[in-house]
Amino acid sequence: MLAFIDRISAFCGRIAAGLFFVIGLLIAYEVTARYVFTAPTPWTEEISRFLQIWATYLAAAFVLANRDMIVIDFFTSRMRPGPRRLCATASLLVVAAFCLVAMVYGIEIVAESVAQNRHTSTMLGVPRWMTEAAVPLGCALLLAQIAAEMVRLWVRGAER
């Protein structure tokens, strides 16, 4: 099960990397269109923002799996393994609590947007749920990765 969760996180991380690459291409296109041809596009900013939201939430589990989250380890690096494991558990539990809250409220917001048929107030008029769904999905992926890391930490006794 741990390998499966890691594979999902890695797959989502690759998707996020691809989305960030596409965002770079869109912004380069917009800069060229605006400043070279003086013909700005009305759609690149909204699509870039949409892709950035999805890429960020899809990448979260991958970032945790690779231990690339921002950490301040001034004190924990000097601790013995037992207390260090407790600190790692506490931090994972805080992130897990945040994920649970964001998932619950995120699902409610997505359901409300679908029920009310809300759209963005831009020229493209993208349905709002398409952007909002990134929050509960990304938090669910992150929560699964947190569970995998907790198993590694306590069952296998391995800190990454």
C-alpha atoms as a PDB file:
ATOM      1  CA  MET A   1       0.000   0.000   0.000  1.00  0.00           C
ATOM      2  CA  LEU A   2       2.863   2.391   0.782  1.00  0.00           C
ATOM      3  CA  ALA A   3       4.389   1.849  -2.651  1.00  0.00           C
ATOM      4  CA  PHE A   4       0.991   2.476  -4.260  1.00  0.00           C
ATOM      5  CA  ILE A   5       0.574   5.793  -2.415  1.00  0.00           C
ATOM      6  CA  ASP A   6       4.127   6.763  -3.369  1.00  0.00           C
ATOM      7  CA  ARG A   7       3.423   5.944  -7.024  1.00  0.00           C
ATOM      8  CA  ILE A   8       0.277   8.080  -6.996  1.00  0.00           C
ATOM      9  CA  SER A   9       2.205  10.944  -5.399  1.00  0.00           C
ATOM     10  CA  ALA A  10       5.007  10.604  -7.951  1.00  0.00           C
ATOM     11  CA  PHE A  11       2.500  10.503 -10.821  1.00  0.00           C
ATOM     12  CA  CYS A  12       0.762  13.646  -9.529  1.00  0.00           C
ATOM     13  CA  GLY A  13       4.166  15.278  -9.071  1.00  0.00           C
ATOM     14  CA  ARG A  14       4.972  14.619 -12.731  1.00  0.00           C
ATOM     15  CA  ILE A  15       1.611  16.062 -13.770  1.00  0.00           C
ATOM     16  CA  ALA A  16       2.307  19.140 -11.615  1.00  0.00           C
ATOM     17  CA  ALA A  17       5.750  19.559 -13.197  1.00  0.00           C
ATOM     18  CA  GLY A  18       4.164  19.392 -16.639  1.00  0.00           C
ATOM     19  CA  LEU A  19       1.553  21.962 -15.629  1.00  0.00           C
ATOM     20  CA  PHE A  20       4.241  24.325 -14.340  1.00  0.00           C
ATOM     21  CA  PHE A  21       6.069  23.917 -17.657  1.00  0.00           C
ATOM     22  CA  VAL A  22       2.880  24.755 -19.573  1.00  0.00           C
ATOM     23  CA  ILE A  23       2.378  27.811 -17.340  1.00  0.00           C
ATOM     24  CA  GLY A  24       5.871  28.988 -18.293  1.00  0.00           C
ATOM     25  CA  LEU A  25       5.043  28.560 -21.985  1.00  0.00           C
ATOM     26  CA  LEU A  26       1.754  30.451 -21.591  1.00  0.00           C
ATOM     27  CA  ILE A  27       3.436  33.341 -19.809  1.00  0.00           C
ATOM     28  CA  ALA A  28       6.201  33.476 -22.432  1.00  0.00           C
ATOM     29  CA  TYR A  29       3.535  33.507 -25.136  1.00  0.00           C
ATOM     30  CA  GLU A  30       1.662  36.322 -23.393  1.00  0.00           C
ATOM     31  CA  VAL A  31       4.812  38.410 -22.921  1.00  0.00           C
ATOM     32  CA  THR A  32       5.702  37.960 -26.584  1.00  0.00           C
ATOM     33  CA  ALA A  33       2.162  38.752 -27.745  1.00  0.00           C
ATOM     34  CA  ARG A  34       1.889  41.792 -25.502  1.00  0.00           C
ATOM     35  CA  TYR A  35       5.302  43.417 -25.890  1.00  0.00           C
ATOM     36  CA  VAL A  36       6.473  42.277 -29.315  1.00  0.00           C
ATOM     37  CA  PHE A  37       3.204  42.252 -31.254  1.00  0.00           C
ATOM     38  CA  THR A  38       1.199  44.622 -28.969  1.00  0.00           C
ATOM     39  CA  ALA A  39      -1.660  42.133 -29.085  1.00  0.00           C
ATOM     40  CA  PRO A  40      -2.292  40.858 -25.543  1.00  0.00           C
ATOM     41  CA  THR A  41      -4.463  37.809 -25.067  1.00  0.00           C
ATOM     42  CA  PRO A  42      -7.451  37.817 -22.700  1.00  0.00           C
ATOM     43  CA  TRP A  43      -7.207  34.133 -21.774  1.00  0.00           C
ATOM     44  CA  THR A  44      -3.610  33.354 -20.757  1.00  0.00           C
ATOM     45  CA  GLU A  45      -3.805  34.864 -17.267  1.00  0.00           C
ATOM     46  CA  GLU A  46      -6.914  32.895 -16.301  1.00  0.00           C
ATOM     47  CA  ILE A  47      -5.650  29.600 -17.688  1.00  0.00           C
ATOM     48  CA  SER A  48      -2.249  30.120 -16.042  1.00  0.00           C
ATOM     49  CA  ARG A  49      -3.925  30.782 -12.691  1.00  0.00           C
ATOM     50  CA  PHE A  50      -6.167  27.730 -13.117  1.00  0.00           C
ATOM     51  CA  LEU A  51      -3.186  25.497 -13.939  1.00  0.00           C
ATOM     52  CA  GLN A  52      -1.118  26.931 -11.088  1.00  0.00           C
ATOM     53  CA  ILE A  53      -3.789  26.094  -8.523  1.00  0.00           C
ATOM     54  CA  TRP A  54      -4.028  22.516  -9.790  1.00  0.00           C
ATOM     55  CA  ALA A  55      -0.255  22.097 -10.044  1.00  0.00           C
ATOM     56  CA  THR A  56       0.277  23.347  -6.499  1.00  0.00           C
ATOM     57  CA  TYR A  57      -2.268  21.012  -4.925  1.00  0.00           C
ATOM     58  CA  LEU A  58      -1.200  18.027  -7.032  1.00  0.00           C
ATOM     59  CA  ALA A  59       2.451  18.561  -6.060  1.00  0.00           C
ATOM     60  CA  ALA A  60       1.888  18.688  -2.282  1.00  0.00           C
ATOM     61  CA  ALA A  61       1.916  14.915  -1.681  1.00  0.00           C
ATOM     62  CA  PHE A  62       4.961  14.474  -3.921  1.00  0.00           C
ATOM     63  CA  VAL A  63       6.808  17.210  -2.033  1.00  0.00           C
ATOM     64  CA  LEU A  64       6.042  15.522   1.305  1.00  0.00           C
ATOM     65  CA  ALA A  65       7.066  12.095  -0.010  1.00  0.00           C
ATOM     66  CA  ASN A  66      10.434  13.508  -1.049  1.00  0.00           C
ATOM     67  CA  ARG A  67      10.843  15.471   2.191  1.00  0.00           C
ATOM     68  CA  ASP A  68      11.106  18.756   0.345  1.00  0.00           C
ATOM     69  CA  MET A  69       8.706  20.681   2.570  1.00  0.00           C
ATOM     70  CA  ILE A  70      10.077  23.758   4.245  1.00  0.00           C
ATOM     71  CA  VAL A  71      11.355  22.741   7.674  1.00  0.00           C
ATOM     72  CA  ILE A  72      13.182  24.414  10.496  1.00  0.00           C
ATOM     73  CA  ASP A  73      15.297  21.689  12.016  1.00  0.00           C
ATOM     74  CA  PHE A  74      17.552  23.707  14.276  1.00  0.00           C
ATOM     75  CA  PHE A  75      16.308  21.877  17.383  1.00  0.00           C
ATOM     76  CA  THR A  76      15.132  18.576  15.929  1.00  0.00           C
ATOM     77  CA  SER A  77      18.440  17.865  14.211  1.00  0.00           C
ATOM     78  CA  ARG A  78      20.072  17.859  17.646  1.00  0.00           C
ATOM     79  CA  MET A  79      17.521  15.485  19.212  1.00  0.00           C
ATOM     80  CA  ARG A  80      17.795  11.773  19.767  1.00  0.00           C
ATOM     81  CA  PRO A  81      15.701   9.568  17.446  1.00  0.00           C
ATOM     82  CA  GLY A  82      12.795   9.105  19.895  1.00  0.00           C
ATOM     83  CA  PRO A  83      12.007  12.787  20.502  1.00  0.00           C
ATOM     84  CA  ARG A  84      12.713  13.563  16.848  1.00  0.00           C
ATOM     85  CA  ARG A  85      10.119  10.942  15.854  1.00  0.00           C
ATOM     86  CA  LEU A  86       7.586  12.545  18.216  1.00  0.00           C
ATOM     87  CA  CYS A  87       8.210  15.973  16.680  1.00  0.00           C
ATOM     88  CA  ALA A  88       7.812  14.553  13.174  1.00  0.00           C
ATOM     89  CA  THR A  89       4.555  12.903  14.243  1.00  0.00           C
ATOM     90  CA  ALA A  90       3.245  16.144  15.738  1.00  0.00           C
ATOM     91  CA  SER A  91       4.013  18.086  12.571  1.00  0.00           C
ATOM     92  CA  LEU A  92       2.402  15.426  10.374  1.00  0.00           C
ATOM     93  CA  LEU A  93      -0.695  15.456  12.581  1.00  0.00           C
ATOM     94  CA  VAL A  94      -1.004  19.235  12.284  1.00  0.00           C
ATOM     95  CA  VAL A  95      -0.820  19.001   8.490  1.00  0.00           C
ATOM     96  CA  ALA A  96      -3.304  16.097   8.539  1.00  0.00           C
ATOM     97  CA  ALA A  97      -5.771  18.147  10.612  1.00  0.00           C
ATOM     98  CA  PHE A  98      -5.468  20.998   8.127  1.00  0.00           C
ATOM     99  CA  CYS A  99      -6.055  18.559   5.245  1.00  0.00           C
ATOM    100  CA  LEU A 100      -9.182  17.157   6.871  1.00  0.00           C
ATOM    101  CA  VAL A 101     -10.658  20.618   7.437  1.00  0.00           C
ATOM    102  CA  ALA A 102      -9.764  21.745   3.913  1.00  0.00           C
ATOM    103  CA  MET A 103     -11.251  18.569   2.429  1.00  0.00           C
ATOM    104  CA  VAL A 104     -14.549  18.909   4.303  1.00  0.00           C
ATOM    105  CA  TYR A 105     -15.019  22.568   3.483  1.00  0.00           C
ATOM    106  CA  GLY A 106     -13.591  22.139  -0.006  1.00  0.00           C
ATOM    107  CA  ILE A 107     -16.125  19.436  -0.858  1.00  0.00           C
ATOM    108  CA  GLU A 108     -18.928  21.666   0.447  1.00  0.00           C
ATOM    109  CA  ILE A 109     -17.719  24.577  -1.673  1.00  0.00           C
ATOM    110  CA  VAL A 110     -17.425  22.417  -4.805  1.00  0.00           C
ATOM    111  CA  ALA A 111     -20.927  20.984  -4.248  1.00  0.00           C
ATOM    112  CA  GLU A 112     -22.347  24.476  -3.757  1.00  0.00           C
ATOM    113  CA  SER A 113     -20.657  25.740  -6.932  1.00  0.00           C
ATOM    114  CA  VAL A 114     -22.060  22.824  -8.917  1.00  0.00           C
ATOM    115  CA  ALA A 115     -25.554  23.317  -7.450  1.00  0.00           C
ATOM    116  CA  GLN A 116     -25.527  27.056  -8.171  1.00  0.00           C
ATOM    117  CA  ASN A 117     -23.774  26.649 -11.544  1.00  0.00           C
ATOM    118  CA  ARG A 118     -21.179  29.287 -10.619  1.00  0.00           C
ATOM    119  CA  HIS A 119     -18.651  30.435 -13.200  1.00  0.00           C
ATOM    120  CA  THR A 120     -15.684  32.773 -13.133  1.00  0.00           C
ATOM    121  CA  SER A 121     -16.489  36.373 -13.935  1.00  0.00           C
ATOM    122  CA  THR A 122     -13.967  36.490 -16.753  1.00  0.00           C
ATOM    123  CA  MET A 123     -14.275  36.204 -20.486  1.00  0.00           C
ATOM    124  CA  LEU A 124     -13.807  32.431 -20.428  1.00  0.00           C
ATOM    125  CA  GLY A 125     -16.448  31.860 -17.749  1.00  0.00           C
ATOM    126  CA  VAL A 126     -14.874  28.634 -16.477  1.00  0.00           C
ATOM    127  CA  PRO A 127     -17.108  26.716 -14.036  1.00  0.00           C
ATOM    128  CA  ARG A 128     -15.856  27.503 -10.535  1.00  0.00           C
ATOM    129  CA  TRP A 129     -15.931  23.869  -9.396  1.00  0.00           C
ATOM    130  CA  MET A 130     -13.169  23.053 -11.866  1.00  0.00           C
ATOM    131  CA  THR A 131     -10.761  25.221  -9.906  1.00  0.00           C
ATOM    132  CA  GLU A 132     -12.207  24.563  -6.451  1.00  0.00           C
ATOM    133  CA  ALA A 133     -11.978  20.772  -6.826  1.00  0.00           C
ATOM    134  CA  ALA A 134      -8.187  21.027  -6.649  1.00  0.00           C
ATOM    135  CA  VAL A 135      -8.355  21.738  -2.902  1.00  0.00           C
ATOM    136  CA  PRO A 136     -10.161  18.604  -1.658  1.00  0.00           C
ATOM    137  CA  LEU A 137      -8.406  16.356  -4.174  1.00  0.00           C
ATOM    138  CA  GLY A 138      -4.946  17.716  -3.378  1.00  0.00           C
ATOM    139  CA  CYS A 139      -5.608  17.509   0.356  1.00  0.00           C
ATOM    140  CA  ALA A 140      -6.847  13.911   0.009  1.00  0.00           C
ATOM    141  CA  LEU A 141      -3.623  12.998  -1.794  1.00  0.00           C
ATOM    142  CA  LEU A 142      -1.569  14.770   0.859  1.00  0.00           C
ATOM    143  CA  LEU A 143      -3.512  13.011   3.628  1.00  0.00           C
ATOM    144  CA  ALA A 144      -2.805   9.618   2.032  1.00  0.00           C
ATOM    145  CA  GLN A 145       0.895  10.488   1.835  1.00  0.00           C
ATOM    146  CA  ILE A 146       0.844  11.600   5.494  1.00  0.00           C
ATOM    147  CA  ALA A 147      -0.626   8.215   6.435  1.00  0.00           C
ATOM    148  CA  ALA A 148       2.157   6.484   4.496  1.00  0.00           C
ATOM    149  CA  GLU A 149       4.801   8.608   6.209  1.00  0.00           C
ATOM    150  CA  MET A 150       3.301   7.849   9.639  1.00  0.00           C
ATOM    151  CA  VAL A 151       3.476   4.111   8.900  1.00  0.00           C
ATOM    152  CA  ARG A 152       7.090   4.497   7.827  1.00  0.00           C
ATOM    153  CA  LEU A 153       7.850   6.501  10.937  1.00  0.00           C
ATOM    154  CA  TRP A 154       6.229   4.219  13.523  1.00  0.00           C
ATOM    155  CA  VAL A 155       5.889   0.763  12.000  1.00  0.00           C
ATOM    156  CA  ARG A 156       9.078   0.644  10.050  1.00  0.00           C
ATOM    157  CA  GLY A 157      10.915   3.055  12.322  1.00  0.00           C
ATOM    158  CA  ALA A 158      12.441   4.874   9.366  1.00  0.00           C
ATOM    159  CA  GLU A 159      12.774   8.617   9.192  1.00  0.00           C
ATOM    160  CA  ARG A 160      13.252  10.005   5.734  1.00  0.00           C
END
